[in-house]
Amino acid sequence: MNKILSRSVLIAAACGLSTTASAAQWTMATPYGDASFHTKNVKQFAEDVAEATGGELTINVHSGGSLVAHGEIKPSVRRGTIEAGEIFLSTLSNEDPIFEVDTLPGVAGSYEEAFELWQATKPLITELFANQGMMPLYAVAWPAQGIYTDFELDDAEQFEGLRVRAPNINTQRFVDYLGGSPTETEESDIPTAFSTGRVDAMITSSSTGNSMTAWDYVSHYTDANLWLPKNIVFINQRAFDRLDEATQEALLEAAARAEERGWQMSRDDNQASLEALQANGITVSEPNDEVAAALQAAGDQLFSAWESRAGEQAKQVLEEYQQQRQD
């Protein structure tokens, strides 16, 4: 063995890399921290893939935006810089309104409806990803979104000028319609945003509030059941095509299990998180009639605006989903 080859083998061994020619090592980025149930599910998915393929495919998960920032994950997967990624699906709303359909109030108000919505929109979303050389593997919903404040939210006028953390464009529009001032802040930056006064409130789930110890900077959570947004896990199509058929099948089977497991984890985490919020002093309540009416009015505006932007395919998909719910 020559010196160059010996050095390569030593480097591979030191990094824990396989030196088997057929083995593939993928890199995956997620913006969510290790405390998130989404990240726990992703890491279990990676373990399942390694076990099912006998090490022929390993996926190294980099969490908390440690490798790639949230907004760069999809471009990085598209270019093939990394093979896999996880993102908040509605951050892609600038590309096509179908990506934000799960952030429209009233469209899906339960886990059952949210999963049906995913099944209805999945073919079109898969097509849009395929057009960019990528392939969705699975999607998992967050718990329903509510509003965190450091005061009791009992008057619609309290929204006026309120600086609200809104993680995507559609939520930013929603805050605008409420009369507030939307602020885009990554999950990892939430505590700093509150402590420095950049935000006064945030729209997010019980799960995020729990994982980010929201009781350190807010006192109330209005469980408004606004919508159940999703994360999507996807891969580079060329990387998938390079795998042999058996490995491809094992990957897809592990993804199917991750999706089923993830939805149940979301349900479980929602209940546990609501209990944790209350145990740590946060008052959890549903919106009163006045606040509920303001949220409904903003939601109606949001839906009308979506319809004006959406293409015929997206509107048809939503109509078919709504018709299915009525049958």
C-alpha atoms as a PDB file:
ATOM      1  CA  MET A   1       0.000   0.000   0.000  1.00  0.00           C
ATOM      2  CA  ASN A   2       1.516   3.340  -0.989  1.00  0.00           C
ATOM      3  CA  LYS A   3       1.863   6.264   1.419  1.00  0.00           C
ATOM      4  CA  ILE A   4      -0.977   8.276  -0.111  1.00  0.00           C
ATOM      5  CA  LEU A   5      -3.422   5.382   0.130  1.00  0.00           C
ATOM      6  CA  SER A   6      -2.294   4.592   3.679  1.00  0.00           C
ATOM      7  CA  ARG A   7      -2.913   8.213   4.679  1.00  0.00           C
ATOM      8  CA  SER A   8      -6.416   8.131   3.157  1.00  0.00           C
ATOM      9  CA  VAL A   9      -7.311   4.984   5.045  1.00  0.00           C
ATOM     10  CA  LEU A  10      -6.008   6.466   8.316  1.00  0.00           C
ATOM     11  CA  ILE A  11      -8.038   9.658   7.828  1.00  0.00           C
ATOM     12  CA  ALA A  12     -11.162   7.643   7.075  1.00  0.00           C
ATOM     13  CA  ALA A  13     -10.642   5.542  10.166  1.00  0.00           C
ATOM     14  CA  ALA A  14     -10.059   8.578  12.354  1.00  0.00           C
ATOM     15  CA  CYS A  15     -13.298  10.182  11.130  1.00  0.00           C
ATOM     16  CA  GLY A  16     -15.252   6.993  11.587  1.00  0.00           C
ATOM     17  CA  LEU A  17     -15.809   6.629   7.868  1.00  0.00           C
ATOM     18  CA  SER A  18     -16.241   3.315   6.120  1.00  0.00           C
ATOM     19  CA  THR A  19     -13.535   2.374   3.664  1.00  0.00           C
ATOM     20  CA  THR A  20     -15.850  -0.035   1.833  1.00  0.00           C
ATOM     21  CA  ALA A  21     -16.258   1.174  -1.722  1.00  0.00           C
ATOM     22  CA  SER A  22     -19.994   0.460  -1.869  1.00  0.00           C
ATOM     23  CA  ALA A  23     -20.886   2.139   1.438  1.00  0.00           C
ATOM     24  CA  ALA A  24     -22.421   5.611   1.255  1.00  0.00           C
ATOM     25  CA  GLN A  25     -22.208   8.334   3.871  1.00  0.00           C
ATOM     26  CA  TRP A  26     -24.738  11.119   3.729  1.00  0.00           C
ATOM     27  CA  THR A  27     -24.821  14.452   5.502  1.00  0.00           C
ATOM     28  CA  MET A  28     -28.138  15.797   6.779  1.00  0.00           C
ATOM     29  CA  ALA A  29     -28.888  19.240   8.212  1.00  0.00           C
ATOM     30  CA  THR A  30     -31.788  20.297  10.413  1.00  0.00           C
ATOM     31  CA  PRO A  31     -32.283  23.713  12.004  1.00  0.00           C
ATOM     32  CA  TYR A  32     -33.878  22.242  15.123  1.00  0.00           C
ATOM     33  CA  GLY A  33     -32.073  21.496  18.361  1.00  0.00           C
ATOM     34  CA  ASP A  34     -31.645  18.118  19.982  1.00  0.00           C
ATOM     35  CA  ALA A  35     -34.509  18.789  22.436  1.00  0.00           C
ATOM     36  CA  SER A  36     -37.034  18.945  19.585  1.00  0.00           C
ATOM     37  CA  PHE A  37     -39.062  15.801  18.942  1.00  0.00           C
ATOM     38  CA  HIS A  38     -38.470  16.398  15.228  1.00  0.00           C
ATOM     39  CA  THR A  39     -34.707  16.063  15.731  1.00  0.00           C
ATOM     40  CA  LYS A  40     -35.155  12.987  17.908  1.00  0.00           C
ATOM     41  CA  ASN A  41     -37.233  11.444  15.145  1.00  0.00           C
ATOM     42  CA  VAL A  42     -34.664  12.346  12.480  1.00  0.00           C
ATOM     43  CA  LYS A  43     -31.873  10.767  14.499  1.00  0.00           C
ATOM     44  CA  GLN A  44     -33.928   7.606  15.000  1.00  0.00           C
ATOM     45  CA  PHE A  45     -34.557   7.564  11.258  1.00  0.00           C
ATOM     46  CA  ALA A  46     -30.807   7.743  10.618  1.00  0.00           C
ATOM     47  CA  GLU A  47     -30.210   4.877  13.046  1.00  0.00           C
ATOM     48  CA  ASP A  48     -32.920   2.807  11.369  1.00  0.00           C
ATOM     49  CA  VAL A  49     -31.354   3.363   7.947  1.00  0.00           C
ATOM     50  CA  ALA A  50     -27.903   2.321   9.141  1.00  0.00           C
ATOM     51  CA  GLU A  51     -29.300  -0.810  10.782  1.00  0.00           C
ATOM     52  CA  ALA A  52     -31.544  -1.780   7.848  1.00  0.00           C
ATOM     53  CA  THR A  53     -28.734  -1.391   5.324  1.00  0.00           C
ATOM     54  CA  GLY A  54     -26.070  -3.066   7.432  1.00  0.00           C
ATOM     55  CA  GLY A  55     -24.041   0.145   7.322  1.00  0.00           C
ATOM     56  CA  GLU A  56     -24.227   0.459   3.545  1.00  0.00           C
ATOM     57  CA  LEU A  57     -25.866   3.854   4.067  1.00  0.00           C
ATOM     58  CA  THR A  58     -25.204   6.042   7.079  1.00  0.00           C
ATOM     59  CA  ILE A  59     -26.713   9.491   7.602  1.00  0.00           C
ATOM     60  CA  ASN A  60     -24.803  11.954   9.777  1.00  0.00           C
ATOM     61  CA  VAL A  61     -27.323  14.387  11.296  1.00  0.00           C
ATOM     62  CA  HIS A  62     -26.187  17.932  12.096  1.00  0.00           C
ATOM     63  CA  SER A  63     -28.804  19.584  14.306  1.00  0.00           C
ATOM     64  CA  GLY A  64     -29.516  23.091  15.517  1.00  0.00           C
ATOM     65  CA  GLY A  65     -28.338  24.778  12.329  1.00  0.00           C
ATOM     66  CA  SER A  66     -24.779  23.802  13.254  1.00  0.00           C
ATOM     67  CA  LEU A  67     -23.803  22.928   9.683  1.00  0.00           C
ATOM     68  CA  VAL A  68     -26.173  24.888   7.437  1.00  0.00           C
ATOM     69  CA  ALA A  69     -28.535  27.753   8.284  1.00  0.00           C
ATOM     70  CA  HIS A  70     -32.247  27.056   7.867  1.00  0.00           C
ATOM     71  CA  GLY A  71     -32.628  29.136   4.725  1.00  0.00           C
ATOM     72  CA  GLU A  72     -29.665  27.423   3.058  1.00  0.00           C
ATOM     73  CA  ILE A  73     -30.662  23.815   3.709  1.00  0.00           C
ATOM     74  CA  LYS A  74     -32.858  23.362   0.635  1.00  0.00           C
ATOM     75  CA  PRO A  75     -30.375  25.052  -1.759  1.00  0.00           C
ATOM     76  CA  SER A  76     -27.587  22.904  -0.284  1.00  0.00           C
ATOM     77  CA  VAL A  77     -29.555  19.706  -0.887  1.00  0.00           C
ATOM     78  CA  ARG A  78     -30.493  20.847  -4.378  1.00  0.00           C
ATOM     79  CA  ARG A  79     -26.834  21.479  -5.256  1.00  0.00           C
ATOM     80  CA  GLY A  80     -25.758  18.201  -3.685  1.00  0.00           C
ATOM     81  CA  THR A  81     -23.529  19.923  -1.122  1.00  0.00           C
ATOM     82  CA  ILE A  82     -25.395  17.821   1.426  1.00  0.00           C
ATOM     83  CA  GLU A  83     -27.592  14.851   0.651  1.00  0.00           C
ATOM     84  CA  ALA A  84     -30.519  15.403   3.014  1.00  0.00           C
ATOM     85  CA  GLY A  85     -32.262  18.120   4.959  1.00  0.00           C
ATOM     86  CA  GLU A  86     -35.218  19.039   7.124  1.00  0.00           C
ATOM     87  CA  ILE A  87     -37.019  22.376   6.971  1.00  0.00           C
ATOM     88  CA  PHE A  88     -40.232  24.092   8.019  1.00  0.00           C
ATOM     89  CA  LEU A  89     -42.261  23.527   4.857  1.00  0.00           C
ATOM     90  CA  SER A  90     -44.007  26.891   4.758  1.00  0.00           C
ATOM     91  CA  THR A  91     -40.684  28.742   4.532  1.00  0.00           C
ATOM     92  CA  LEU A  92     -40.931  27.849   0.825  1.00  0.00           C
ATOM     93  CA  SER A  93     -44.113  29.854   0.327  1.00  0.00           C
ATOM     94  CA  ASN A  94     -42.345  32.311  -1.992  1.00  0.00           C
ATOM     95  CA  GLU A  95     -41.801  29.448  -4.428  1.00  0.00           C
ATOM     96  CA  ASP A  96     -45.410  28.246  -4.562  1.00  0.00           C
ATOM     97  CA  PRO A  97     -48.496  28.902  -2.394  1.00  0.00           C
ATOM     98  CA  ILE A  98     -49.048  25.146  -1.990  1.00  0.00           C
ATOM     99  CA  PHE A  99     -46.157  25.144   0.472  1.00  0.00           C
ATOM    100  CA  GLU A 100     -48.053  27.435   2.852  1.00  0.00           C
ATOM    101  CA  VAL A 101     -51.459  25.756   2.700  1.00  0.00           C
ATOM    102  CA  ASP A 102     -50.863  24.158   6.104  1.00  0.00           C
ATOM    103  CA  THR A 103     -50.573  27.628   7.685  1.00  0.00           C
ATOM    104  CA  LEU A 104     -54.066  28.738   6.684  1.00  0.00           C
ATOM    105  CA  PRO A 105     -56.406  28.955   9.697  1.00  0.00           C
ATOM    106  CA  GLY A 106     -59.401  26.668   9.459  1.00  0.00           C
ATOM    107  CA  VAL A 107     -58.014  24.398   6.744  1.00  0.00           C
ATOM    108  CA  ALA A 108     -56.847  21.673   9.134  1.00  0.00           C
ATOM    109  CA  GLY A 109     -57.655  21.982  12.816  1.00  0.00           C
ATOM    110  CA  SER A 110     -56.708  18.517  14.058  1.00  0.00           C
ATOM    111  CA  TYR A 111     -53.993  15.930  13.553  1.00  0.00           C
ATOM    112  CA  GLU A 112     -56.356  13.799  11.487  1.00  0.00           C
ATOM    113  CA  GLU A 113     -57.182  16.688   9.172  1.00  0.00           C
ATOM    114  CA  ALA A 114     -53.542  17.788   8.996  1.00  0.00           C
ATOM    115  CA  PHE A 115     -52.485  14.301   7.880  1.00  0.00           C
ATOM    116  CA  GLU A 116     -55.260  14.197   5.275  1.00  0.00           C
ATOM    117  CA  LEU A 117     -54.075  17.587   4.025  1.00  0.00           C
ATOM    118  CA  TRP A 118     -50.530  16.236   3.705  1.00  0.00           C
ATOM    119  CA  GLN A 119     -51.772  13.235   1.720  1.00  0.00           C
ATOM    120  CA  ALA A 120     -53.775  15.528  -0.561  1.00  0.00           C
ATOM    121  CA  THR A 121     -50.923  17.961  -1.210  1.00  0.00           C
ATOM    122  CA  LYS A 122     -48.074  15.431  -1.288  1.00  0.00           C
ATOM    123  CA  PRO A 123     -48.268  14.635  -5.050  1.00  0.00           C
ATOM    124  CA  LEU A 124     -47.968  18.294  -6.065  1.00  0.00           C
ATOM    125  CA  ILE A 125     -45.269  19.003  -3.486  1.00  0.00           C
ATOM    126  CA  THR A 126     -43.367  15.924  -4.654  1.00  0.00           C
ATOM    127  CA  GLU A 127     -43.596  17.154  -8.248  1.00  0.00           C
ATOM    128  CA  LEU A 128     -42.278  20.600  -7.319  1.00  0.00           C
ATOM    129  CA  PHE A 129     -39.344  19.076  -5.436  1.00  0.00           C
ATOM    130  CA  ALA A 130     -38.635  16.695  -8.325  1.00  0.00           C
ATOM    131  CA  ASN A 131     -38.445  19.646 -10.716  1.00  0.00           C
ATOM    132  CA  GLN A 132     -35.458  20.839  -8.672  1.00  0.00           C
ATOM    133  CA  GLY A 133     -33.754  17.450  -8.418  1.00  0.00           C
ATOM    134  CA  MET A 134     -34.995  16.554  -4.937  1.00  0.00           C
ATOM    135  CA  MET A 135     -37.301  14.000  -3.376  1.00  0.00           C
ATOM    136  CA  PRO A 136     -39.439  14.310  -0.227  1.00  0.00           C
ATOM    137  CA  LEU A 137     -39.116  11.399   2.180  1.00  0.00           C
ATOM    138  CA  TYR A 138     -41.659  12.263   4.843  1.00  0.00           C
ATOM    139  CA  ALA A 139     -43.397  15.106   6.657  1.00  0.00           C
ATOM    140  CA  VAL A 140     -44.462  15.508  10.281  1.00  0.00           C
ATOM    141  CA  ALA A 141     -46.771  18.122  11.783  1.00  0.00           C
ATOM    142  CA  TRP A 142     -45.993  20.376  14.690  1.00  0.00           C
ATOM    143  CA  PRO A 143     -48.654  20.719  17.380  1.00  0.00           C
ATOM    144  CA  ALA A 144     -51.241  23.408  16.708  1.00  0.00           C
ATOM    145  CA  GLN A 145     -49.920  26.953  16.900  1.00  0.00           C
ATOM    146  CA  GLY A 146     -50.809  29.355  19.694  1.00  0.00           C
ATOM    147  CA  ILE A 147     -49.679  32.737  20.984  1.00  0.00           C
ATOM    148  CA  TYR A 148     -47.133  33.355  23.754  1.00  0.00           C
ATOM    149  CA  THR A 149     -47.186  36.691  25.598  1.00  0.00           C
ATOM    150  CA  ASP A 150     -45.914  38.152  28.861  1.00  0.00           C
ATOM    151  CA  PHE A 151     -49.437  39.380  29.647  1.00  0.00           C
ATOM    152  CA  GLU A 152     -52.986  38.015  29.524  1.00  0.00           C
ATOM    153  CA  LEU A 153     -54.260  38.298  25.955  1.00  0.00           C
ATOM    154  CA  ASP A 154     -57.905  39.259  26.428  1.00  0.00           C
ATOM    155  CA  ASP A 155     -58.440  42.257  24.137  1.00  0.00           C
ATOM    156  CA  ALA A 156     -58.049  42.406  20.355  1.00  0.00           C
ATOM    157  CA  GLU A 157     -56.563  45.892  20.651  1.00  0.00           C
ATOM    158  CA  GLN A 158     -53.521  44.338  22.347  1.00  0.00           C
ATOM    159  CA  PHE A 159     -52.372  43.148  18.920  1.00  0.00           C
ATOM    160  CA  GLU A 160     -51.854  46.748  17.749  1.00  0.00           C
ATOM    161  CA  GLY A 161     -48.112  47.321  17.316  1.00  0.00           C
ATOM    162  CA  LEU A 162     -47.274  44.059  19.075  1.00  0.00           C
ATOM    163  CA  ARG A 163     -43.897  42.746  17.912  1.00  0.00           C
ATOM    164  CA  VAL A 164     -44.606  39.094  17.163  1.00  0.00           C
ATOM    165  CA  ARG A 165     -42.105  36.406  16.205  1.00  0.00           C
ATOM    166  CA  ALA A 166     -43.445  34.909  12.970  1.00  0.00           C
ATOM    167  CA  PRO A 167     -41.394  32.038  11.463  1.00  0.00           C
ATOM    168  CA  ASN A 168     -42.671  32.272   7.876  1.00  0.00           C
ATOM    169  CA  ILE A 169     -44.182  34.713   5.415  1.00  0.00           C
ATOM    170  CA  ASN A 170     -47.758  33.553   5.890  1.00  0.00           C
ATOM    171  CA  THR A 171     -47.552  33.986   9.662  1.00  0.00           C
ATOM    172  CA  GLN A 172     -46.063  37.422   9.060  1.00  0.00           C
ATOM    173  CA  ARG A 173     -49.081  38.310   6.919  1.00  0.00           C
ATOM    174  CA  PHE A 174     -51.371  37.001   9.659  1.00  0.00           C
ATOM    175  CA  VAL A 175     -49.690  39.235  12.235  1.00  0.00           C
ATOM    176  CA  ASP A 176     -50.021  42.194   9.860  1.00  0.00           C
ATOM    177  CA  TYR A 177     -53.753  41.559   9.508  1.00  0.00           C
ATOM    178  CA  LEU A 178     -54.035  41.505  13.311  1.00  0.00           C
ATOM    179  CA  GLY A 179     -52.386  44.935  13.451  1.00  0.00           C
ATOM    180  CA  GLY A 180     -49.113  43.653  14.884  1.00  0.00           C
ATOM    181  CA  SER A 181     -45.510  43.993  13.764  1.00  0.00           C
ATOM    182  CA  PRO A 182     -44.090  40.654  12.538  1.00  0.00           C
ATOM    183  CA  THR A 183     -40.486  39.769  13.286  1.00  0.00           C
ATOM    184  CA  GLU A 184     -38.629  36.836  11.715  1.00  0.00           C
ATOM    185  CA  THR A 185     -36.556  34.992  14.312  1.00  0.00           C
ATOM    186  CA  GLU A 186     -35.047  31.508  14.141  1.00  0.00           C
ATOM    187  CA  GLU A 187     -36.075  29.133  16.908  1.00  0.00           C
ATOM    188  CA  SER A 188     -32.582  29.087  18.410  1.00  0.00           C
ATOM    189  CA  ASP A 189     -32.648  32.891  18.739  1.00  0.00           C
ATOM    190  CA  ILE A 190     -35.998  33.168  20.524  1.00  0.00           C
ATOM    191  CA  PRO A 191     -34.682  33.691  24.090  1.00  0.00           C
ATOM    192  CA  THR A 192     -32.299  36.442  22.958  1.00  0.00           C
ATOM    193  CA  ALA A 193     -35.030  38.122  20.908  1.00  0.00           C
ATOM    194  CA  PHE A 194     -37.242  38.373  23.987  1.00  0.00           C
ATOM    195  CA  SER A 195     -34.479  39.450  26.350  1.00  0.00           C
ATOM    196  CA  THR A 196     -33.325  42.226  24.012  1.00  0.00           C
ATOM    197  CA  GLY A 197     -36.862  43.448  23.307  1.00  0.00           C
ATOM    198  CA  ARG A 198     -36.898  42.550  19.625  1.00  0.00           C
ATOM    199  CA  VAL A 199     -40.132  40.615  20.157  1.00  0.00           C
ATOM    200  CA  ASP A 200     -43.028  40.909  22.622  1.00  0.00           C
ATOM    201  CA  ALA A 201     -44.865  37.734  21.623  1.00  0.00           C
ATOM    202  CA  MET A 202     -44.525  34.688  19.416  1.00  0.00           C
ATOM    203  CA  ILE A 203     -46.781  32.401  17.401  1.00  0.00           C
ATOM    204  CA  THR A 204     -45.573  28.844  17.755  1.00  0.00           C
ATOM    205  CA  SER A 205     -46.447  25.487  19.271  1.00  0.00           C
ATOM    206  CA  SER A 206     -46.551  24.133  22.791  1.00  0.00           C
ATOM    207  CA  SER A 207     -43.572  22.000  21.799  1.00  0.00           C
ATOM    208  CA  THR A 208     -41.342  24.935  20.861  1.00  0.00           C
ATOM    209  CA  GLY A 209     -42.349  26.810  23.985  1.00  0.00           C
ATOM    210  CA  ASN A 210     -41.352  23.827  26.093  1.00  0.00           C
ATOM    211  CA  SER A 211     -38.054  23.108  24.335  1.00  0.00           C
ATOM    212  CA  MET A 212     -37.102  26.803  24.470  1.00  0.00           C
ATOM    213  CA  THR A 213     -38.145  27.148  28.171  1.00  0.00           C
ATOM    214  CA  ALA A 214     -40.620  29.899  27.326  1.00  0.00           C
ATOM    215  CA  TRP A 215     -41.405  30.403  31.031  1.00  0.00           C
ATOM    216  CA  ASP A 216     -38.116  32.277  31.281  1.00  0.00           C
ATOM    217  CA  TYR A 217     -39.535  35.188  29.269  1.00  0.00           C
ATOM    218  CA  VAL A 218     -43.351  34.886  28.915  1.00  0.00           C
ATOM    219  CA  SER A 219     -46.217  34.229  31.310  1.00  0.00           C
ATOM    220  CA  HIS A 220     -49.192  33.265  29.121  1.00  0.00           C
ATOM    221  CA  TYR A 221     -49.929  30.847  26.292  1.00  0.00           C
ATOM    222  CA  THR A 222     -53.159  31.308  24.355  1.00  0.00           C
ATOM    223  CA  ASP A 223     -53.904  27.882  22.876  1.00  0.00           C
ATOM    224  CA  ALA A 224     -55.587  29.231  19.739  1.00  0.00           C
ATOM    225  CA  ASN A 225     -55.301  26.116  17.530  1.00  0.00           C
ATOM    226  CA  LEU A 226     -54.439  28.340  14.570  1.00  0.00           C
ATOM    227  CA  TRP A 227     -52.960  25.669  12.274  1.00  0.00           C
ATOM    228  CA  LEU A 228     -50.717  22.582  12.322  1.00  0.00           C
ATOM    229  CA  PRO A 229     -47.689  23.333  10.133  1.00  0.00           C
ATOM    230  CA  LYS A 230     -45.264  20.653   9.007  1.00  0.00           C
ATOM    231  CA  ASN A 231     -41.585  19.933   8.713  1.00  0.00           C
ATOM    232  CA  ILE A 232     -40.489  18.098   5.593  1.00  0.00           C
ATOM    233  CA  VAL A 233     -37.484  15.792   5.221  1.00  0.00           C
ATOM    234  CA  PHE A 234     -36.095  15.490   1.700  1.00  0.00           C
ATOM    235  CA  ILE A 235     -33.041  14.272  -0.216  1.00  0.00           C
ATOM    236  CA  ASN A 236     -31.008  14.936  -3.319  1.00  0.00           C
ATOM    237  CA  GLN A 237     -32.392  12.782  -6.154  1.00  0.00           C
ATOM    238  CA  ARG A 238     -28.967  12.048  -7.657  1.00  0.00           C
ATOM    239  CA  ALA A 239     -27.718  10.785  -4.298  1.00  0.00           C
ATOM    240  CA  PHE A 240     -30.747   8.490  -4.089  1.00  0.00           C
ATOM    241  CA  ASP A 241     -30.229   7.221  -7.636  1.00  0.00           C
ATOM    242  CA  ARG A 242     -26.660   6.218  -6.808  1.00  0.00           C
ATOM    243  CA  LEU A 243     -27.881   3.788  -4.153  1.00  0.00           C
ATOM    244  CA  ASP A 244     -28.547   0.173  -5.088  1.00  0.00           C
ATOM    245  CA  GLU A 245     -32.155  -0.993  -5.166  1.00  0.00           C
ATOM    246  CA  ALA A 246     -32.058  -2.768  -1.809  1.00  0.00           C
ATOM    247  CA  THR A 247     -30.654   0.307  -0.073  1.00  0.00           C
ATOM    248  CA  GLN A 248     -33.228   2.543  -1.736  1.00  0.00           C
ATOM    249  CA  GLU A 249     -36.011   0.289  -0.505  1.00  0.00           C
ATOM    250  CA  ALA A 250     -34.607   0.215   3.027  1.00  0.00           C
ATOM    251  CA  LEU A 251     -34.349   4.018   3.048  1.00  0.00           C
ATOM    252  CA  LEU A 252     -37.955   4.471   1.933  1.00  0.00           C
ATOM    253  CA  GLU A 253     -39.221   1.939   4.462  1.00  0.00           C
ATOM    254  CA  ALA A 254     -37.350   3.739   7.252  1.00  0.00           C
ATOM    255  CA  ALA A 255     -38.849   7.031   6.051  1.00  0.00           C
ATOM    256  CA  ALA A 256     -42.364   5.586   6.179  1.00  0.00           C
ATOM    257  CA  ARG A 257     -41.762   4.444   9.759  1.00  0.00           C
ATOM    258  CA  ALA A 258     -40.331   7.865  10.653  1.00  0.00           C
ATOM    259  CA  GLU A 259     -43.441   9.586   9.338  1.00  0.00           C
ATOM    260  CA  GLU A 260     -45.801   7.347  11.310  1.00  0.00           C
ATOM    261  CA  ARG A 261     -43.638   7.605  14.444  1.00  0.00           C
ATOM    262  CA  GLY A 262     -43.225  11.372  14.065  1.00  0.00           C
ATOM    263  CA  TRP A 263     -46.940  12.136  13.961  1.00  0.00           C
ATOM    264  CA  GLN A 264     -47.453  10.154  17.146  1.00  0.00           C
ATOM    265  CA  MET A 265     -44.456  11.871  18.747  1.00  0.00           C
ATOM    266  CA  SER A 266     -46.040  15.219  17.882  1.00  0.00           C
ATOM    267  CA  ARG A 267     -49.298  14.243  19.605  1.00  0.00           C
ATOM    268  CA  ASP A 268     -47.444  12.987  22.667  1.00  0.00           C
ATOM    269  CA  ASP A 269     -45.149  16.008  22.784  1.00  0.00           C
ATOM    270  CA  ASN A 270     -48.069  18.412  22.580  1.00  0.00           C
ATOM    271  CA  GLN A 271     -49.667  16.954  25.687  1.00  0.00           C
ATOM    272  CA  ALA A 272     -46.390  16.726  27.587  1.00  0.00           C
ATOM    273  CA  SER A 273     -45.436  20.271  26.582  1.00  0.00           C
ATOM    274  CA  LEU A 274     -48.738  21.783  27.682  1.00  0.00           C
ATOM    275  CA  GLU A 275     -48.261  20.105  31.056  1.00  0.00           C
ATOM    276  CA  ALA A 276     -44.671  21.365  31.261  1.00  0.00           C
ATOM    277  CA  LEU A 277     -45.712  24.925  30.443  1.00  0.00           C
ATOM    278  CA  GLN A 278     -48.274  24.907  33.240  1.00  0.00           C
ATOM    279  CA  ALA A 279     -45.928  23.193  35.682  1.00  0.00           C
ATOM    280  CA  ASN A 280     -43.427  25.997  35.115  1.00  0.00           C
ATOM    281  CA  GLY A 281     -45.904  28.764  35.789  1.00  0.00           C
ATOM    282  CA  ILE A 282     -47.284  29.630  32.357  1.00  0.00           C
ATOM    283  CA  THR A 283     -51.035  30.242  32.249  1.00  0.00           C
ATOM    284  CA  VAL A 284     -52.541  28.195  29.413  1.00  0.00           C
ATOM    285  CA  SER A 285     -55.982  29.244  28.161  1.00  0.00           C
ATOM    286  CA  GLU A 286     -58.140  29.371  25.052  1.00  0.00           C
ATOM    287  CA  PRO A 287     -58.876  32.744  23.428  1.00  0.00           C
ATOM    288  CA  ASN A 288     -61.940  34.605  24.637  1.00  0.00           C
ATOM    289  CA  ASP A 289     -64.685  35.549  22.181  1.00  0.00           C
ATOM    290  CA  GLU A 290     -63.214  38.953  21.295  1.00  0.00           C
ATOM    291  CA  VAL A 291     -59.711  37.611  20.624  1.00  0.00           C
ATOM    292  CA  ALA A 292     -61.138  34.593  18.777  1.00  0.00           C
ATOM    293  CA  ALA A 293     -63.140  36.924  16.519  1.00  0.00           C
ATOM    294  CA  ALA A 294     -60.000  38.946  15.711  1.00  0.00           C
ATOM    295  CA  LEU A 295     -58.073  35.780  14.904  1.00  0.00           C
ATOM    296  CA  GLN A 296     -60.913  34.565  12.690  1.00  0.00           C
ATOM    297  CA  ALA A 297     -61.069  37.860  10.802  1.00  0.00           C
ATOM    298  CA  ALA A 298     -57.301  37.821  10.195  1.00  0.00           C
ATOM    299  CA  GLY A 299     -57.558  34.189   9.126  1.00  0.00           C
ATOM    300  CA  ASP A 300     -60.284  35.023   6.605  1.00  0.00           C
ATOM    301  CA  GLN A 301     -58.073  37.755   5.124  1.00  0.00           C
ATOM    302  CA  LEU A 302     -55.164  35.338   4.976  1.00  0.00           C
ATOM    303  CA  PHE A 303     -57.223  32.747   3.120  1.00  0.00           C
ATOM    304  CA  SER A 304     -58.522  35.291   0.606  1.00  0.00           C
ATOM    305  CA  ALA A 305     -54.985  36.502  -0.052  1.00  0.00           C
ATOM    306  CA  TRP A 306     -53.823  32.903  -0.551  1.00  0.00           C
ATOM    307  CA  GLU A 307     -56.564  32.257  -3.097  1.00  0.00           C
ATOM    308  CA  SER A 308     -55.500  35.341  -5.064  1.00  0.00           C
ATOM    309  CA  ARG A 309     -51.901  34.071  -5.263  1.00  0.00           C
ATOM    310  CA  ALA A 310     -52.448  30.351  -5.721  1.00  0.00           C
ATOM    311  CA  GLY A 311     -52.329  28.671  -9.104  1.00  0.00           C
ATOM    312  CA  GLU A 312     -55.080  26.444 -10.446  1.00  0.00           C
ATOM    313  CA  GLN A 313     -53.284  23.266  -9.359  1.00  0.00           C
ATOM    314  CA  ALA A 314     -52.938  24.410  -5.763  1.00  0.00           C
ATOM    315  CA  LYS A 315     -56.556  25.593  -5.564  1.00  0.00           C
ATOM    316  CA  GLN A 316     -57.801  22.352  -7.082  1.00  0.00           C
ATOM    317  CA  VAL A 317     -55.832  20.285  -4.563  1.00  0.00           C
ATOM    318  CA  LEU A 318     -57.289  22.277  -1.681  1.00  0.00           C
ATOM    319  CA  GLU A 319     -60.822  22.038  -3.078  1.00  0.00           C
ATOM    320  CA  GLU A 320     -60.502  18.261  -3.431  1.00  0.00           C
ATOM    321  CA  TYR A 321     -59.242  17.982   0.153  1.00  0.00           C
ATOM    322  CA  GLN A 322     -62.123  20.106   1.459  1.00  0.00           C
ATOM    323  CA  GLN A 323     -64.617  18.061  -0.546  1.00  0.00           C
ATOM    324  CA  GLN A 324     -63.180  14.858   0.878  1.00  0.00           C
ATOM    325  CA  ARG A 325     -63.627  16.230   4.405  1.00  0.00           C
ATOM    326  CA  GLN A 326     -67.312  16.902   3.697  1.00  0.00           C
ATOM    327  CA  ASP A 327     -68.008  13.427   2.256  1.00  0.00           C
END
